[in-house]
C-alpha atoms as a PDB file:
ATOM      1  CA  UNK A   1       0.000   0.000   0.000  1.00  0.00           C
ATOM      2  CA  UNK A   2       1.764   3.143  -1.143  1.00  0.00           C
ATOM      3  CA  UNK A   3       0.958   6.780  -1.724  1.00  0.00           C
ATOM      4  CA  UNK A   4       2.949   9.091  -3.919  1.00  0.00           C
ATOM      5  CA  UNK A   5       4.915   6.280  -5.559  1.00  0.00           C
ATOM      6  CA  UNK A   6       7.340   7.472  -8.210  1.00  0.00           C
ATOM      7  CA  UNK A   7       7.856  10.861  -6.576  1.00  0.00           C
ATOM      8  CA  UNK A   8      10.979  12.132  -4.895  1.00  0.00           C
ATOM      9  CA  UNK A   9       9.142  13.614  -1.951  1.00  0.00           C
ATOM     10  CA  UNK A  10      10.742  13.340   1.463  1.00  0.00           C
ATOM     11  CA  UNK A  11       9.024  13.006   4.792  1.00  0.00           C
ATOM     12  CA  UNK A  12      10.300  16.479   5.674  1.00  0.00           C
ATOM     13  CA  UNK A  13       8.340  17.890   2.706  1.00  0.00           C
ATOM     14  CA  UNK A  14       5.146  16.882   4.492  1.00  0.00           C
ATOM     15  CA  UNK A  15       6.100  18.647   7.693  1.00  0.00           C
ATOM     16  CA  UNK A  16       5.564  22.283   6.656  1.00  0.00           C
ATOM     17  CA  UNK A  17       2.027  21.903   5.258  1.00  0.00           C
ATOM     18  CA  UNK A  18       0.870  19.739   8.174  1.00  0.00           C
ATOM     19  CA  UNK A  19       2.512  22.088  10.701  1.00  0.00           C
ATOM     20  CA  UNK A  20       0.805  25.137   9.181  1.00  0.00           C
ATOM     21  CA  UNK A  21      -2.545  23.333   9.025  1.00  0.00           C
ATOM     22  CA  UNK A  22      -2.419  22.535  12.735  1.00  0.00           C
ATOM     23  CA  UNK A  23      -1.142  25.968  13.795  1.00  0.00           C
ATOM     24  CA  UNK A  24      -3.981  27.613  11.854  1.00  0.00           C
ATOM     25  CA  UNK A  25      -6.391  25.603  13.998  1.00  0.00           C
ATOM     26  CA  UNK A  26      -4.952  26.809  17.272  1.00  0.00           C
ATOM     27  CA  UNK A  27      -2.544  24.003  18.092  1.00  0.00           C
ATOM     28  CA  UNK A  28       0.917  24.403  19.567  1.00  0.00           C
ATOM     29  CA  UNK A  29       3.078  22.234  17.325  1.00  0.00           C
ATOM     30  CA  UNK A  30       6.418  20.617  18.116  1.00  0.00           C
ATOM     31  CA  UNK A  31       8.330  18.095  16.026  1.00  0.00           C
ATOM     32  CA  UNK A  32      10.406  15.049  16.954  1.00  0.00           C
ATOM     33  CA  UNK A  33       9.055  14.681  20.481  1.00  0.00           C
ATOM     34  CA  UNK A  34       9.734  11.321  22.165  1.00  0.00           C
ATOM     35  CA  UNK A  35      10.005   9.578  18.763  1.00  0.00           C
ATOM     36  CA  UNK A  36       6.782  11.194  17.454  1.00  0.00           C
ATOM     37  CA  UNK A  37       7.168  13.107  14.164  1.00  0.00           C
ATOM     38  CA  UNK A  38       4.674  15.812  15.178  1.00  0.00           C
ATOM     39  CA  UNK A  39       3.017  16.509  18.521  1.00  0.00           C
ATOM     40  CA  UNK A  40       0.237  19.107  18.627  1.00  0.00           C
ATOM     41  CA  UNK A  41      -1.423  20.353  21.796  1.00  0.00           C
ATOM     42  CA  UNK A  42      -4.483  22.529  22.318  1.00  0.00           C
ATOM     43  CA  UNK A  43      -5.550  22.837  25.915  1.00  0.00           C
ATOM     44  CA  UNK A  44      -5.506  19.315  27.328  1.00  0.00           C
ATOM     45  CA  UNK A  45      -5.804  17.716  23.878  1.00  0.00           C
ATOM     46  CA  UNK A  46      -2.765  15.775  22.645  1.00  0.00           C
ATOM     47  CA  UNK A  47      -2.542  14.929  18.928  1.00  0.00           C
ATOM     48  CA  UNK A  48       0.228  12.934  17.235  1.00  0.00           C
ATOM     49  CA  UNK A  49       0.918  12.888  13.484  1.00  0.00           C
ATOM     50  CA  UNK A  50       3.319  10.434  11.861  1.00  0.00           C
ATOM     51  CA  UNK A  51       4.775  11.522   8.507  1.00  0.00           C
ATOM     52  CA  UNK A  52       5.574   8.931   5.861  1.00  0.00           C
ATOM     53  CA  UNK A  53       6.019   8.803   2.095  1.00  0.00           C
ATOM     54  CA  UNK A  54       3.894   5.674   1.833  1.00  0.00           C
ATOM     55  CA  UNK A  55       1.538   3.585   3.890  1.00  0.00           C
ATOM     56  CA  UNK A  56       3.040   0.426   5.340  1.00  0.00           C
ATOM     57  CA  UNK A  57       2.410  -2.087   8.072  1.00  0.00           C
ATOM     58  CA  UNK A  58       5.262  -0.558  10.086  1.00  0.00           C
ATOM     59  CA  UNK A  59       3.564   2.847   9.920  1.00  0.00           C
ATOM     60  CA  UNK A  60       0.244   1.390  11.066  1.00  0.00           C
ATOM     61  CA  UNK A  61       1.949  -0.410  13.952  1.00  0.00           C
ATOM     62  CA  UNK A  62       3.783   2.780  14.902  1.00  0.00           C
ATOM     63  CA  UNK A  63       0.577   4.815  14.818  1.00  0.00           C
ATOM     64  CA  UNK A  64      -1.319   2.341  16.988  1.00  0.00           C
ATOM     65  CA  UNK A  65       1.478   2.526  19.567  1.00  0.00           C
ATOM     66  CA  UNK A  66       0.991   6.301  19.718  1.00  0.00           C
ATOM     67  CA  UNK A  67      -2.650   5.724  20.668  1.00  0.00           C
ATOM     68  CA  UNK A  68      -1.454   4.527  24.048  1.00  0.00           C
ATOM     69  CA  UNK A  69      -0.778   8.118  25.139  1.00  0.00           C
ATOM     70  CA  UNK A  70      -2.364  10.472  22.565  1.00  0.00           C
ATOM     71  CA  UNK A  71      -5.992  11.520  22.236  1.00  0.00           C
ATOM     72  CA  UNK A  72      -5.905  11.464  18.435  1.00  0.00           C
ATOM     73  CA  UNK A  73      -3.389   9.911  16.035  1.00  0.00           C
ATOM     74  CA  UNK A  74      -3.089  10.671  12.325  1.00  0.00           C
ATOM     75  CA  UNK A  75      -0.867   9.340   9.567  1.00  0.00           C
ATOM     76  CA  UNK A  76       0.121  11.932   6.943  1.00  0.00           C
ATOM     77  CA  UNK A  77       0.941  10.826   3.403  1.00  0.00           C
ATOM     78  CA  UNK A  78       1.446  12.455  -0.013  1.00  0.00           C
ATOM     79  CA  UNK A  79      -1.801  12.428  -1.956  1.00  0.00           C
ATOM     80  CA  UNK A  80      -1.535  10.198  -5.051  1.00  0.00           C
ATOM     81  CA  UNK A  81      -1.450  12.075  -8.353  1.00  0.00           C
ATOM     82  CA  UNK A  82      -3.995   9.712  -9.849  1.00  0.00           C
ATOM     83  CA  UNK A  83      -6.880   8.228  -7.960  1.00  0.00           C
ATOM     84  CA  UNK A  84      -7.279   5.255 -10.275  1.00  0.00           C
ATOM     85  CA  UNK A  85      -7.257   2.853  -7.350  1.00  0.00           C
ATOM     86  CA  UNK A  86     -10.195   4.314  -5.494  1.00  0.00           C
ATOM     87  CA  UNK A  87     -11.378   0.887  -4.371  1.00  0.00           C
ATOM     88  CA  UNK A  88      -7.978   0.218  -2.845  1.00  0.00           C
ATOM     89  CA  UNK A  89      -8.004   3.530  -0.983  1.00  0.00           C
ATOM     90  CA  UNK A  90     -11.506   2.846   0.282  1.00  0.00           C
ATOM     91  CA  UNK A  91     -10.106  -0.333   1.819  1.00  0.00           C
ATOM     92  CA  UNK A  92      -7.231   1.650   3.328  1.00  0.00           C
ATOM     93  CA  UNK A  93      -9.643   4.160   4.853  1.00  0.00           C
ATOM     94  CA  UNK A  94     -11.765   1.291   6.144  1.00  0.00           C
ATOM     95  CA  UNK A  95      -8.709  -0.208   7.860  1.00  0.00           C
ATOM     96  CA  UNK A  96      -7.681   3.093   9.434  1.00  0.00           C
ATOM     97  CA  UNK A  97     -11.245   3.756  10.573  1.00  0.00           C
ATOM     98  CA  UNK A  98     -11.405   0.338  12.227  1.00  0.00           C
ATOM     99  CA  UNK A  99      -8.115   1.124  13.969  1.00  0.00           C
ATOM    100  CA  UNK A 100      -9.448   4.575  14.948  1.00  0.00           C
ATOM    101  CA  UNK A 101      -6.596   6.343  13.153  1.00  0.00           C
ATOM    102  CA  UNK A 102      -6.873   9.554  11.144  1.00  0.00           C
ATOM    103  CA  UNK A 103      -5.566  10.102   7.618  1.00  0.00           C
ATOM    104  CA  UNK A 104      -4.061  13.351   6.316  1.00  0.00           C
ATOM    105  CA  UNK A 105      -3.248  13.640   2.610  1.00  0.00           C
ATOM    106  CA  UNK A 106      -0.945  16.382   1.325  1.00  0.00           C
ATOM    107  CA  UNK A 107      -1.209  17.336  -2.342  1.00  0.00           C
ATOM    108  CA  UNK A 108       1.806  18.875  -4.072  1.00  0.00           C
ATOM    109  CA  UNK A 109       0.023  19.336  -7.405  1.00  0.00           C
ATOM    110  CA  UNK A 110      -0.093  23.122  -6.902  1.00  0.00           C
ATOM    111  CA  UNK A 111       2.516  25.708  -5.939  1.00  0.00           C
ATOM    112  CA  UNK A 112       1.138  25.788  -2.399  1.00  0.00           C
ATOM    113  CA  UNK A 113       0.652  22.294  -0.936  1.00  0.00           C
ATOM    114  CA  UNK A 114      -2.926  21.472   0.022  1.00  0.00           C
ATOM    115  CA  UNK A 115      -3.754  19.532   3.180  1.00  0.00           C
ATOM    116  CA  UNK A 116      -6.850  17.341   3.156  1.00  0.00           C
ATOM    117  CA  UNK A 117      -7.957  15.461   6.251  1.00  0.00           C
ATOM    118  CA  UNK A 118      -9.500  12.445   4.573  1.00  0.00           C
ATOM    119  CA  UNK A 119     -10.379  10.757   7.831  1.00  0.00           C
ATOM    120  CA  UNK A 120     -10.735  11.993  11.409  1.00  0.00           C
ATOM    121  CA  UNK A 121     -10.219   9.433  14.161  1.00  0.00           C
ATOM    122  CA  UNK A 122     -12.776   9.019  16.902  1.00  0.00           C
ATOM    123  CA  UNK A 123     -11.493   9.561  20.460  1.00  0.00           C
ATOM    124  CA  UNK A 124     -10.415   6.241  21.879  1.00  0.00           C
ATOM    125  CA  UNK A 125     -11.940   4.806  25.052  1.00  0.00           C
ATOM    126  CA  UNK A 126      -8.679   2.951  25.705  1.00  0.00           C
ATOM    127  CA  UNK A 127      -6.701   3.475  28.871  1.00  0.00           C
ATOM    128  CA  UNK A 128      -3.789   5.849  28.244  1.00  0.00           C
ATOM    129  CA  UNK A 129      -0.201   5.254  29.243  1.00  0.00           C
ATOM    130  CA  UNK A 130      -0.239   8.072  31.786  1.00  0.00           C
ATOM    131  CA  UNK A 131       3.494   8.075  32.413  1.00  0.00           C
ATOM    132  CA  UNK A 132       4.366   8.309  28.718  1.00  0.00           C
ATOM    133  CA  UNK A 133       1.686  10.952  28.164  1.00  0.00           C
ATOM    134  CA  UNK A 134       3.123  13.071  30.982  1.00  0.00           C
ATOM    135  CA  UNK A 135       6.619  12.654  29.530  1.00  0.00           C
ATOM    136  CA  UNK A 136       5.490  13.892  26.095  1.00  0.00           C
ATOM    137  CA  UNK A 137       3.627  16.887  27.545  1.00  0.00           C
ATOM    138  CA  UNK A 138       6.567  17.748  29.816  1.00  0.00           C
ATOM    139  CA  UNK A 139       8.956  17.598  26.864  1.00  0.00           C
ATOM    140  CA  UNK A 140       6.726  19.935  24.834  1.00  0.00           C
ATOM    141  CA  UNK A 141       6.465  22.354  27.766  1.00  0.00           C
ATOM    142  CA  UNK A 142      10.231  22.280  28.305  1.00  0.00           C
ATOM    143  CA  UNK A 143      11.130  23.388  24.780  1.00  0.00           C
ATOM    144  CA  UNK A 144      11.422  27.093  24.014  1.00  0.00           C
ATOM    145  CA  UNK A 145      10.143  26.631  20.466  1.00  0.00           C
ATOM    146  CA  UNK A 146      10.033  24.232  17.527  1.00  0.00           C
ATOM    147  CA  UNK A 147      13.686  23.843  16.556  1.00  0.00           C
ATOM    148  CA  UNK A 148      13.367  20.523  14.717  1.00  0.00           C
ATOM    149  CA  UNK A 149      12.107  19.585  11.268  1.00  0.00           C
ATOM    150  CA  UNK A 150       9.662  16.707  11.452  1.00  0.00           C
ATOM    151  CA  UNK A 151      11.015  13.605   9.729  1.00  0.00           C
ATOM    152  CA  UNK A 152      14.589  14.934   9.618  1.00  0.00           C
ATOM    153  CA  UNK A 153      17.629  13.012  10.908  1.00  0.00           C
ATOM    154  CA  UNK A 154      20.402  15.392   9.807  1.00  0.00           C
ATOM    155  CA  UNK A 155      21.289  16.700  13.265  1.00  0.00           C
ATOM    156  CA  UNK A 156      20.612  15.694  16.833  1.00  0.00           C
ATOM    157  CA  UNK A 157      17.050  16.372  17.904  1.00  0.00           C
ATOM    158  CA  UNK A 158      16.680  19.511  19.996  1.00  0.00           C
ATOM    159  CA  UNK A 159      15.134  18.077  23.152  1.00  0.00           C
ATOM    160  CA  UNK A 160      14.400  20.131  26.252  1.00  0.00           C
ATOM    161  CA  UNK A 161      17.562  18.630  27.788  1.00  0.00           C
ATOM    162  CA  UNK A 162      19.693  19.605  24.788  1.00  0.00           C
ATOM    163  CA  UNK A 163      18.213  23.116  24.869  1.00  0.00           C
ATOM    164  CA  UNK A 164      19.342  23.525  28.467  1.00  0.00           C
ATOM    165  CA  UNK A 165      22.822  22.244  27.595  1.00  0.00           C
ATOM    166  CA  UNK A 166      23.042  24.701  24.686  1.00  0.00           C
ATOM    167  CA  UNK A 167      21.996  27.565  26.964  1.00  0.00           C
ATOM    168  CA  UNK A 168      24.737  26.639  29.437  1.00  0.00           C
ATOM    169  CA  UNK A 169      27.220  26.446  26.549  1.00  0.00           C
ATOM    170  CA  UNK A 170      26.158  29.924  25.415  1.00  0.00           C
ATOM    171  CA  UNK A 171      26.684  31.298  28.923  1.00  0.00           C
ATOM    172  CA  UNK A 172      30.200  29.856  29.058  1.00  0.00           C
ATOM    173  CA  UNK A 173      31.073  31.026  25.554  1.00  0.00           C
ATOM    174  CA  UNK A 174      29.785  34.524  26.239  1.00  0.00           C
ATOM    175  CA  UNK A 175      31.102  34.940  29.775  1.00  0.00           C
ATOM    176  CA  UNK A 176      34.048  32.568  30.032  1.00  0.00           C
ATOM    177  CA  UNK A 177      34.539  29.950  32.779  1.00  0.00           C
ATOM    178  CA  UNK A 178      31.789  30.128  35.402  1.00  0.00           C
ATOM    179  CA  UNK A 179      30.670  28.482  38.594  1.00  0.00           C
ATOM    180  CA  UNK A 180      27.273  26.931  39.167  1.00  0.00           C
ATOM    181  CA  UNK A 181      25.912  29.887  41.142  1.00  0.00           C
ATOM    182  CA  UNK A 182      26.723  32.360  38.385  1.00  0.00           C
ATOM    183  CA  UNK A 183      25.204  30.098  35.728  1.00  0.00           C
ATOM    184  CA  UNK A 184      21.971  29.964  37.705  1.00  0.00           C
ATOM    185  CA  UNK A 185      22.014  33.764  38.004  1.00  0.00           C
ATOM    186  CA  UNK A 186      22.269  33.929  34.209  1.00  0.00           C
ATOM    187  CA  UNK A 187      19.092  31.888  33.848  1.00  0.00           C
ATOM    188  CA  UNK A 188      20.404  28.336  33.485  1.00  0.00           C
ATOM    189  CA  UNK A 189      17.803  25.791  34.576  1.00  0.00           C
ATOM    190  CA  UNK A 190      17.444  23.651  37.670  1.00  0.00           C
ATOM    191  CA  UNK A 191      19.153  20.717  35.932  1.00  0.00           C
ATOM    192  CA  UNK A 192      22.342  22.709  35.308  1.00  0.00           C
ATOM    193  CA  UNK A 193      24.452  20.894  37.885  1.00  0.00           C
ATOM    194  CA  UNK A 194      23.364  17.477  36.607  1.00  0.00           C
ATOM    195  CA  UNK A 195      23.987  18.478  32.976  1.00  0.00           C
ATOM    196  CA  UNK A 196      27.495  19.686  33.788  1.00  0.00           C
ATOM    197  CA  UNK A 197      28.297  16.661  35.929  1.00  0.00           C
ATOM    198  CA  UNK A 198      27.078  14.094  33.403  1.00  0.00           C
ATOM    199  CA  UNK A 199      28.449  16.016  30.402  1.00  0.00           C
ATOM    200  CA  UNK A 200      26.489  13.748  28.050  1.00  0.00           C
ATOM    201  CA  UNK A 201      27.537  15.632  24.902  1.00  0.00           C
ATOM    202  CA  UNK A 202      31.163  16.143  25.952  1.00  0.00           C
ATOM    203  CA  UNK A 203      30.971  19.943  25.621  1.00  0.00           C
ATOM    204  CA  UNK A 204      32.179  20.977  29.065  1.00  0.00           C
ATOM    205  CA  UNK A 205      35.446  20.948  30.977  1.00  0.00           C
ATOM    206  CA  UNK A 206      36.300  21.716  34.598  1.00  0.00           C
ATOM    207  CA  UNK A 207      39.557  23.724  34.694  1.00  0.00           C
ATOM    208  CA  UNK A 208      39.340  23.910  38.479  1.00  0.00           C
ATOM    209  CA  UNK A 209      36.980  22.637  41.177  1.00  0.00           C
ATOM    210  CA  UNK A 210      33.537  24.209  40.897  1.00  0.00           C
ATOM    211  CA  UNK A 211      34.355  26.075  37.667  1.00  0.00           C
ATOM    212  CA  UNK A 212      33.223  25.021  34.194  1.00  0.00           C
ATOM    213  CA  UNK A 213      34.346  26.043  30.713  1.00  0.00           C
ATOM    214  CA  UNK A 214      33.410  25.250  27.114  1.00  0.00           C
ATOM    215  CA  UNK A 215      35.688  23.122  24.928  1.00  0.00           C
ATOM    216  CA  UNK A 216      36.082  23.014  21.141  1.00  0.00           C
ATOM    217  CA  UNK A 217      33.355  20.396  20.768  1.00  0.00           C
ATOM    218  CA  UNK A 218      30.978  22.651  22.654  1.00  0.00           C
ATOM    219  CA  UNK A 219      31.798  25.635  20.457  1.00  0.00           C
ATOM    220  CA  UNK A 220      31.149  23.478  17.391  1.00  0.00           C
ATOM    221  CA  UNK A 221      27.760  22.571  18.845  1.00  0.00           C
ATOM    222  CA  UNK A 222      26.888  26.278  19.077  1.00  0.00           C
ATOM    223  CA  UNK A 223      27.666  26.533  15.381  1.00  0.00           C
ATOM    224  CA  UNK A 224      25.621  23.415  14.577  1.00  0.00           C
ATOM    225  CA  UNK A 225      22.641  24.844  16.457  1.00  0.00           C
ATOM    226  CA  UNK A 226      23.167  28.430  15.319  1.00  0.00           C
ATOM    227  CA  UNK A 227      19.451  29.297  15.388  1.00  0.00           C
ATOM    228  CA  UNK A 228      19.071  28.322  19.017  1.00  0.00           C
ATOM    229  CA  UNK A 229      22.428  29.868  19.950  1.00  0.00           C
ATOM    230  CA  UNK A 230      21.294  33.188  18.458  1.00  0.00           C
ATOM    231  CA  UNK A 231      18.077  33.044  20.479  1.00  0.00           C
ATOM    232  CA  UNK A 232      19.981  32.425  23.702  1.00  0.00           C
ATOM    233  CA  UNK A 233      22.550  35.073  22.843  1.00  0.00           C
ATOM    234  CA  UNK A 234      19.741  37.607  22.606  1.00  0.00           C
ATOM    235  CA  UNK A 235      18.423  36.434  25.974  1.00  0.00           C
ATOM    236  CA  UNK A 236      21.850  36.917  27.539  1.00  0.00           C
ATOM    237  CA  UNK A 237      22.139  40.375  26.008  1.00  0.00           C
ATOM    238  CA  UNK A 238      18.796  41.159  27.593  1.00  0.00           C
ATOM    239  CA  UNK A 239      20.339  40.276  30.931  1.00  0.00           C
ATOM    240  CA  UNK A 240      23.070  42.831  30.335  1.00  0.00           C
ATOM    241  CA  UNK A 241      25.759  40.329  29.425  1.00  0.00           C
ATOM    242  CA  UNK A 242      28.250  41.329  26.742  1.00  0.00           C
ATOM    243  CA  UNK A 243      27.708  38.800  23.988  1.00  0.00           C
ATOM    244  CA  UNK A 244      30.584  37.294  22.086  1.00  0.00           C
ATOM    245  CA  UNK A 245      29.126  34.276  20.324  1.00  0.00           C
ATOM    246  CA  UNK A 246      30.739  33.817  16.964  1.00  0.00           C
ATOM    247  CA  UNK A 247      33.380  36.477  17.631  1.00  0.00           C
END
């Protein structure tokens, strides 16, 4: 079962139209959250959209797993250029309806892609995985914005944890070696000490007890995540700190 066969569309091509469609309907949209391509929230409602170039059993299995913590789950696919297999697509819609999954089709036949929700899922009466649901909502709340491209694997996903590490790296690059107390004064989060101690990304060094600095790998990370670094640089400037990122 495939949609958009013969095209060179990528999953990331679907992201923009679906993102804009959801935002226009009042959702807060974040991509690449806890392995979900798109997570959209509106009030207490949690919606997950999985982006794929074609429909497959793996996609269906993935989508049904998302139902364990989301209110509504959609699969988003490119709309076929020719609808010569209408009977086949009726069977596909029947399957998705039985599984209580939604179907979003994105047409690229015009200059501006068109999003068509071919099937809305009905809210599931199933018991949610409360712990996983809380983790997804906490991750969305912990991110300062949408700094990922849904379906992309080109760089490490900007999680809330990585955002905090990048902010700490910006503080050290702007202000030089600092202690924990000063980092907290500059707005670093409550997890700062743990992030520095674990040093998961290998960005930080400790030139002396209680003092942390940024190494070459950390400075490269600021370049790799230039958009987020610029945002944090502006925040530091707002705190009256002389910025030097990229100098």
